[in-house]
Amino acid sequence: MKQRIIADKKELTLKSFFFQWEWLLILIFIVMTIINGSLTPYYLNADNLIGATMAFLDKAFIVLPMAFIIILADIDISVASTVALASVVMGVLYNSGVPMVLAMVICLLVGTLCGFINGVLVAKFKELSSMIITLSTMILYRGIAYIILKDQSAGKFPEWFTSIGWGYVGPVPFILIVFIICAVIFTFILNKTAFGRRVYAIGSNPIASRFTGIQVDKTKIIVFTLAGLMAGVTALFLTSRMGSTRPNVATGYELDIITMVVLGGISTAGGKGRIYGAIIAVFLIGFLRYGLGLFNVNAQVLLVITGLLLIVAVIIPNLNIKKVKFKSFKN
């Protein structure tokens, strides 16, 4: 009888390597760079490009855990409200006499607590979708921020705090360095640890995961808590760049964050996708906005372009090109 051998890993061929969604994103990024560079000499200025990252990397911190959440086949639309609440609490505490360092720590704790609450609610109320739950907490967290600060602002932060959002380490923005470190950590967790494999397994089939002994509820609570923590980090950098805070800060961030994750090739059906694509999408959308800003393009045009990119993200991986499919949504 012929012996049957089952490989534990799929063989990587040259064709399967290049027919991946991330390569299409890179191609789009290159084309966008060539077009913008040919239209204005200011776009390809190295200092301007590096400095432009400070304008969009604050929300990118939440993209990392949001990739985990969507791979779980869940979603969190309360992250922007979490940012606002954490930022408002930090500003009010500092203006009340609390040392800035302690206020920053409390900011991170507030974000983490909000994420933990989301995770517990999603885990315990399985009959409700995560969208409904986080829609409720989105309203709740933003409402608390308005109750605390009303329509006023809090600020007058120390100068060293402002340098966190605008500061450089040599020629590199501090926020870019922190994001790279966080991206490496989250990528390692998702791709190289048992926890990451459990995230994919739960997203593919949560019922089967429970029967195999995976602690589904615990995993979801951890992932949502991480999203809250990263929302606290975003609150720190955003508040530092703005120099003050109000209850309406970060409005619309949740849409940008989810857009980056989906454009990065992570399936909303769960269980499929790679965090690399989400990271590439962060810079693709960020530099797209930077380039359009140099031409004073209307913000509504950017919405149209982003919408078209999302449509491409959904359609192209499902097309057969000479019987070869783009390997998007593959682990």
Protein backbone atom coordinates (compact mmCIF):
# COMPACT_ATOMS: atom_id res chain seq x y z
CA MET A 1 0.00 0.00 0.00
CA LYS A 2 1.28 3.40 -0.91
CA GLN A 3 2.21 5.46 2.12
CA ARG A 4 0.29 8.72 2.50
CA ILE A 5 2.20 11.72 3.80
CA ILE A 6 0.40 14.77 5.10
CA ALA A 7 2.48 17.94 5.38
CA ASP A 8 1.94 20.10 8.41
CA LYS A 9 2.68 23.24 6.39
CA LYS A 10 1.60 24.24 2.92
CA GLU A 11 4.46 24.29 0.45
CA LEU A 12 5.36 27.83 -0.55
CA THR A 13 5.84 28.24 -4.29
CA LEU A 14 7.06 31.30 -6.14
CA LYS A 15 3.61 31.75 -7.69
CA SER A 16 1.76 31.47 -4.39
CA PHE A 17 4.25 33.87 -2.78
CA PHE A 18 3.69 36.68 -5.26
CA PHE A 19 -0.06 36.16 -5.69
CA GLN A 20 -0.79 37.50 -2.25
CA TRP A 21 -2.89 40.51 -1.31
CA GLU A 22 0.02 42.28 0.39
CA TRP A 23 1.92 42.44 -2.91
CA LEU A 24 -1.03 44.14 -4.58
CA LEU A 25 -1.08 46.70 -1.76
CA ILE A 26 2.64 47.31 -2.26
CA LEU A 27 2.06 47.72 -6.00
CA ILE A 28 -0.70 50.27 -5.34
CA PHE A 29 1.62 52.06 -2.92
CA ILE A 30 4.41 52.22 -5.52
CA VAL A 31 2.07 53.53 -8.23
CA MET A 32 0.69 56.14 -5.84
CA THR A 33 4.23 57.22 -4.93
CA ILE A 34 5.26 57.55 -8.58
CA ILE A 35 2.17 59.59 -9.46
CA ASN A 36 2.49 61.92 -6.46
CA GLY A 37 6.24 62.27 -6.97
CA SER A 38 5.77 63.24 -10.61
CA LEU A 39 3.12 65.84 -9.78
CA THR A 40 4.98 67.66 -7.00
CA PRO A 41 8.64 67.72 -5.93
CA TYR A 42 7.63 68.08 -2.29
CA TYR A 43 6.14 64.60 -1.96
CA LEU A 44 9.39 62.61 -2.27
CA ASN A 45 11.22 64.78 0.22
CA ALA A 46 12.53 62.29 2.82
CA ASP A 47 12.07 64.63 5.77
CA ASN A 48 8.49 65.42 4.72
CA LEU A 49 7.61 61.75 4.27
CA ILE A 50 9.00 60.76 7.66
CA GLY A 51 7.37 63.74 9.33
CA ALA A 52 4.03 62.92 7.69
CA THR A 53 3.83 59.68 9.68
CA MET A 54 3.12 61.69 12.83
CA ALA A 55 -0.22 62.75 11.34
CA PHE A 56 -1.66 59.22 11.03
CA LEU A 57 0.30 56.81 13.22
CA ASP A 58 -1.63 57.63 16.40
CA LYS A 59 -4.66 55.64 15.18
CA ALA A 60 -2.39 52.94 13.76
CA PHE A 61 -1.75 51.57 17.24
CA ILE A 62 -5.38 50.42 17.41
CA VAL A 63 -5.12 48.80 13.96
CA LEU A 64 -2.87 46.12 15.47
CA PRO A 65 -5.35 44.69 18.03
CA MET A 66 -8.26 45.42 15.68
CA ALA A 67 -6.69 42.92 13.28
CA PHE A 68 -6.92 40.32 16.05
CA ILE A 69 -10.54 41.24 16.76
CA ILE A 70 -11.64 40.96 13.13
CA ILE A 71 -9.77 37.66 12.73
CA LEU A 72 -11.90 36.52 15.68
CA ALA A 73 -14.93 37.44 13.50
CA ASP A 74 -15.78 40.23 15.94
CA ILE A 75 -15.55 44.01 15.72
CA ASP A 76 -15.04 46.91 18.10
CA ILE A 77 -16.51 50.25 17.08
CA SER A 78 -16.04 51.80 20.53
CA VAL A 79 -12.30 52.37 20.19
CA ALA A 80 -12.61 56.05 19.23
CA SER A 81 -14.84 56.73 22.23
CA THR A 82 -12.33 54.89 24.42
CA VAL A 83 -9.62 57.21 23.12
CA ALA A 84 -11.77 60.24 23.94
CA LEU A 85 -12.61 59.04 27.46
CA ALA A 86 -9.00 58.14 28.29
CA SER A 87 -7.79 61.48 26.94
CA VAL A 88 -10.42 63.49 28.83
CA VAL A 89 -9.71 61.70 32.12
CA MET A 90 -5.99 62.36 31.72
CA GLY A 91 -6.53 66.05 30.94
CA VAL A 92 -8.97 66.63 33.81
CA LEU A 93 -6.73 64.83 36.31
CA TYR A 94 -3.69 66.86 35.29
CA ASN A 95 -5.60 70.14 35.50
CA SER A 96 -6.77 69.05 38.96
CA GLY A 97 -3.20 68.77 40.21
CA VAL A 98 -2.34 65.13 39.50
CA PRO A 99 1.27 64.70 38.30
CA MET A 100 1.47 64.29 34.52
CA VAL A 101 3.19 60.91 34.65
CA LEU A 102 0.49 59.51 36.94
CA ALA A 103 -2.23 61.00 34.71
CA MET A 104 -0.63 59.24 31.72
CA VAL A 105 -0.65 55.92 33.57
CA ILE A 106 -4.31 56.41 34.47
CA CYS A 107 -5.02 57.20 30.80
CA LEU A 108 -3.65 53.78 29.84
CA LEU A 109 -5.59 52.12 32.66
CA VAL A 110 -8.84 53.78 31.58
CA GLY A 111 -8.36 52.55 28.03
CA THR A 112 -7.50 49.06 29.26
CA LEU A 113 -10.56 48.99 31.53
CA CYS A 114 -12.86 50.02 28.67
CA GLY A 115 -11.44 47.26 26.50
CA PHE A 116 -11.81 44.74 29.32
CA ILE A 117 -15.47 45.68 29.76
CA ASN A 118 -16.04 45.20 26.03
CA GLY A 119 -14.37 41.81 26.15
CA VAL A 120 -16.39 40.60 29.13
CA LEU A 121 -19.66 41.73 27.54
CA VAL A 122 -18.83 40.07 24.21
CA ALA A 123 -17.77 36.86 25.95
CA LYS A 124 -20.72 36.62 28.33
CA PHE A 125 -23.55 37.77 26.06
CA LYS A 126 -22.99 35.45 23.11
CA GLU A 127 -26.50 36.03 21.79
CA LEU A 128 -25.56 39.63 21.01
CA SER A 129 -23.15 40.53 18.23
CA SER A 130 -19.97 42.39 19.12
CA MET A 131 -21.14 45.25 16.88
CA ILE A 132 -24.25 45.82 19.00
CA ILE A 133 -22.30 45.57 22.25
CA THR A 134 -19.53 47.94 21.19
CA LEU A 135 -22.06 50.31 19.63
CA SER A 136 -23.59 50.58 23.09
CA THR A 137 -20.24 51.11 24.80
CA MET A 138 -19.25 53.59 22.09
CA ILE A 139 -22.19 55.77 23.11
CA LEU A 140 -21.53 55.10 26.81
CA TYR A 141 -17.83 56.01 26.81
CA ARG A 142 -18.32 59.13 24.71
CA GLY A 143 -21.23 60.16 26.91
CA ILE A 144 -19.11 59.81 30.05
CA ALA A 145 -16.44 61.97 28.44
CA TYR A 146 -19.04 64.68 27.79
CA ILE A 147 -20.35 64.41 31.35
CA ILE A 148 -16.84 64.89 32.73
CA LEU A 149 -15.76 67.80 30.54
CA LYS A 150 -18.97 68.98 28.87
CA ASP A 151 -18.11 71.26 25.92
CA GLN A 152 -14.95 72.56 27.54
CA SER A 153 -11.36 71.58 26.94
CA ALA A 154 -8.51 70.54 29.20
CA GLY A 155 -4.89 71.23 28.47
CA LYS A 156 -1.91 73.39 29.35
CA PHE A 157 0.19 70.26 29.49
CA PRO A 158 3.92 70.44 30.24
CA GLU A 159 6.22 71.02 27.31
CA TRP A 160 7.89 67.63 27.61
CA PHE A 161 4.52 65.93 27.15
CA THR A 162 3.93 67.79 23.88
CA SER A 163 7.28 66.51 22.61
CA ILE A 164 5.98 62.93 22.85
CA GLY A 165 3.72 63.46 19.85
CA TRP A 166 6.00 65.81 17.94
CA GLY A 167 9.41 64.64 19.13
CA TYR A 168 12.21 62.95 17.21
CA VAL A 169 14.88 60.44 18.13
CA GLY A 170 17.59 61.57 15.78
CA PRO A 171 15.91 61.92 12.35
CA VAL A 172 13.08 59.51 13.19
CA PRO A 173 9.80 60.56 14.88
CA PHE A 174 9.37 59.04 18.33
CA ILE A 175 5.86 57.85 17.45
CA LEU A 176 7.22 55.91 14.45
CA ILE A 177 9.73 54.09 16.65
CA VAL A 178 7.06 53.16 19.19
CA PHE A 179 4.72 51.95 16.44
CA ILE A 180 7.40 49.76 14.87
CA ILE A 181 8.08 48.16 18.26
CA CYS A 182 4.36 47.53 18.83
CA ALA A 183 3.92 46.18 15.29
CA VAL A 184 6.76 43.70 15.79
CA ILE A 185 5.28 42.54 19.10
CA PHE A 186 1.75 42.06 17.74
CA THR A 187 3.05 40.36 14.59
CA PHE A 188 5.11 37.95 16.67
CA ILE A 189 2.14 37.16 18.94
CA LEU A 190 -0.20 36.48 16.01
CA ASN A 191 2.22 34.49 13.87
CA LYS A 192 4.58 32.74 16.28
CA THR A 193 2.65 31.96 19.46
CA ALA A 194 -0.01 29.50 20.55
CA PHE A 195 -2.21 32.46 21.44
CA GLY A 196 -2.13 33.65 17.82
CA ARG A 197 -3.05 30.19 16.57
CA ARG A 198 -5.99 30.16 18.99
CA VAL A 199 -7.16 33.49 17.59
CA TYR A 200 -7.24 32.04 14.06
CA ALA A 201 -8.93 28.85 15.27
CA ILE A 202 -11.67 30.75 17.09
CA GLY A 203 -12.29 32.97 14.08
CA SER A 204 -12.57 29.94 11.80
CA ASN A 205 -14.90 27.94 14.04
CA PRO A 206 -15.63 29.09 17.61
CA ILE A 207 -17.82 26.06 18.40
CA ALA A 208 -15.18 23.56 17.35
CA SER A 209 -12.60 25.58 19.24
CA ARG A 210 -14.58 25.20 22.45
CA PHE A 211 -14.78 21.42 22.00
CA THR A 212 -11.03 21.22 21.45
CA GLY A 213 -10.40 22.89 24.79
CA ILE A 214 -9.57 26.42 23.64
CA GLN A 215 -10.67 29.04 26.15
CA VAL A 216 -12.67 31.12 23.71
CA ASP A 217 -14.08 33.59 26.24
CA LYS A 218 -10.69 34.22 27.86
CA THR A 219 -9.06 34.76 24.47
CA LYS A 220 -11.69 37.29 23.43
CA ILE A 221 -11.40 39.18 26.72
CA ILE A 222 -7.62 39.42 26.29
CA VAL A 223 -7.88 40.65 22.70
CA PHE A 224 -10.50 43.31 23.49
CA THR A 225 -8.45 44.39 26.51
CA LEU A 226 -5.42 44.82 24.26
CA ALA A 227 -7.54 47.01 21.98
CA GLY A 228 -8.41 49.16 24.98
CA LEU A 229 -4.76 49.42 25.98
CA MET A 230 -3.77 50.51 22.48
CA ALA A 231 -6.63 53.04 22.52
CA GLY A 232 -4.98 54.46 25.64
CA VAL A 233 -1.67 54.69 23.77
CA THR A 234 -3.45 56.47 20.93
CA ALA A 235 -4.97 58.88 23.47
CA LEU A 236 -1.49 59.74 24.75
CA PHE A 237 -0.05 60.54 21.33
CA LEU A 238 -3.16 62.29 20.03
CA THR A 239 -3.48 64.50 23.11
CA SER A 240 0.23 65.27 22.99
CA ARG A 241 -0.01 66.39 19.36
CA MET A 242 -3.14 68.48 19.96
CA GLY A 243 -1.87 70.06 23.17
CA SER A 244 -5.34 69.81 24.71
CA THR A 245 -8.32 67.49 24.83
CA ARG A 246 -12.07 67.65 24.34
CA PRO A 247 -14.83 65.02 24.50
CA ASN A 248 -15.14 64.97 20.69
CA VAL A 249 -11.53 64.02 19.96
CA ALA A 250 -10.87 61.00 17.72
CA THR A 251 -14.33 61.23 16.16
CA GLY A 252 -14.45 58.89 13.17
CA TYR A 253 -11.28 57.03 14.11
CA GLU A 254 -13.11 53.72 14.32
CA LEU A 255 -14.04 53.90 10.62
CA ASP A 256 -10.47 54.69 9.58
CA ILE A 257 -9.11 51.86 11.71
CA ILE A 258 -11.55 49.25 10.41
CA THR A 259 -10.92 50.47 6.86
CA MET A 260 -7.17 49.92 7.27
CA VAL A 261 -7.68 46.41 8.64
CA VAL A 262 -10.13 45.33 5.92
CA LEU A 263 -8.04 46.94 3.17
CA GLY A 264 -5.11 44.98 4.58
CA GLY A 265 -6.83 41.77 3.50
CA ILE A 266 -8.22 40.56 6.82
CA SER A 267 -11.56 38.85 6.31
CA THR A 268 -14.51 40.09 8.34
CA ALA A 269 -15.78 36.49 8.25
CA GLY A 270 -12.98 35.63 10.64
CA GLY A 271 -10.11 33.18 10.75
CA LYS A 272 -8.24 34.56 7.75
CA GLY A 273 -5.81 37.37 7.06
CA ARG A 274 -2.36 38.59 7.97
CA ILE A 275 -1.36 41.53 10.08
CA TYR A 276 1.29 42.52 7.51
CA GLY A 277 -1.44 43.68 5.15
CA ALA A 278 -3.05 45.86 7.81
CA ILE A 279 0.31 47.51 8.55
CA ILE A 280 0.90 48.18 4.84
CA ALA A 281 -2.63 49.61 4.57
CA VAL A 282 -1.86 52.04 7.41
CA PHE A 283 0.95 53.62 5.42
CA LEU A 284 -0.93 53.36 2.11
CA ILE A 285 -3.90 55.35 3.39
CA GLY A 286 -1.71 57.66 5.46
CA PHE A 287 0.55 58.67 2.58
CA LEU A 288 -2.42 58.83 0.22
CA ARG A 289 -3.92 61.49 2.46
CA TYR A 290 -0.58 63.23 2.73
CA GLY A 291 -0.19 63.35 -1.05
CA LEU A 292 -3.73 64.58 -1.64
CA GLY A 293 -3.20 67.19 1.04
CA LEU A 294 -0.30 68.63 -0.94
CA PHE A 295 -2.75 69.22 -3.80
CA ASN A 296 -5.46 70.62 -1.50
CA VAL A 297 -7.81 67.85 -2.62
CA ASN A 298 -11.27 67.95 -1.05
CA ALA A 299 -11.77 65.55 1.85
CA GLN A 300 -14.82 64.05 0.13
CA VAL A 301 -12.62 62.95 -2.77
CA LEU A 302 -10.47 61.05 -0.31
CA LEU A 303 -13.58 59.26 0.98
CA VAL A 304 -14.43 58.22 -2.58
CA ILE A 305 -10.90 56.93 -3.20
CA THR A 306 -10.87 55.04 0.10
CA GLY A 307 -14.25 53.52 -0.73
CA LEU A 308 -12.98 52.37 -4.13
CA LEU A 309 -9.93 50.80 -2.49
CA LEU A 310 -12.21 48.90 -0.12
CA ILE A 311 -14.28 47.63 -3.03
CA VAL A 312 -11.07 46.45 -4.69
CA ALA A 313 -10.08 44.77 -1.42
CA VAL A 314 -13.30 42.79 -1.43
CA ILE A 315 -13.56 41.96 -5.14
CA ILE A 316 -10.05 41.17 -6.37
CA PRO A 317 -9.24 38.29 -3.98
CA ASN A 318 -12.40 36.55 -5.23
CA LEU A 319 -11.50 36.85 -8.90
CA ASN A 320 -9.80 34.10 -10.88
CA ILE A 321 -6.89 35.38 -12.92
CA LYS A 322 -5.92 32.52 -15.26
CA LYS A 323 -7.19 30.16 -12.57
CA VAL A 324 -4.93 31.70 -9.94
CA LYS A 325 -6.48 33.42 -6.96
CA PHE A 326 -4.87 36.12 -4.91
CA LYS A 327 -3.86 34.56 -1.60
CA SER A 328 -5.54 37.18 0.50
CA PHE A 329 -7.31 36.10 3.67
CA LYS A 330 -4.81 33.26 4.09
CA ASN A 331 -2.89 32.66 7.27
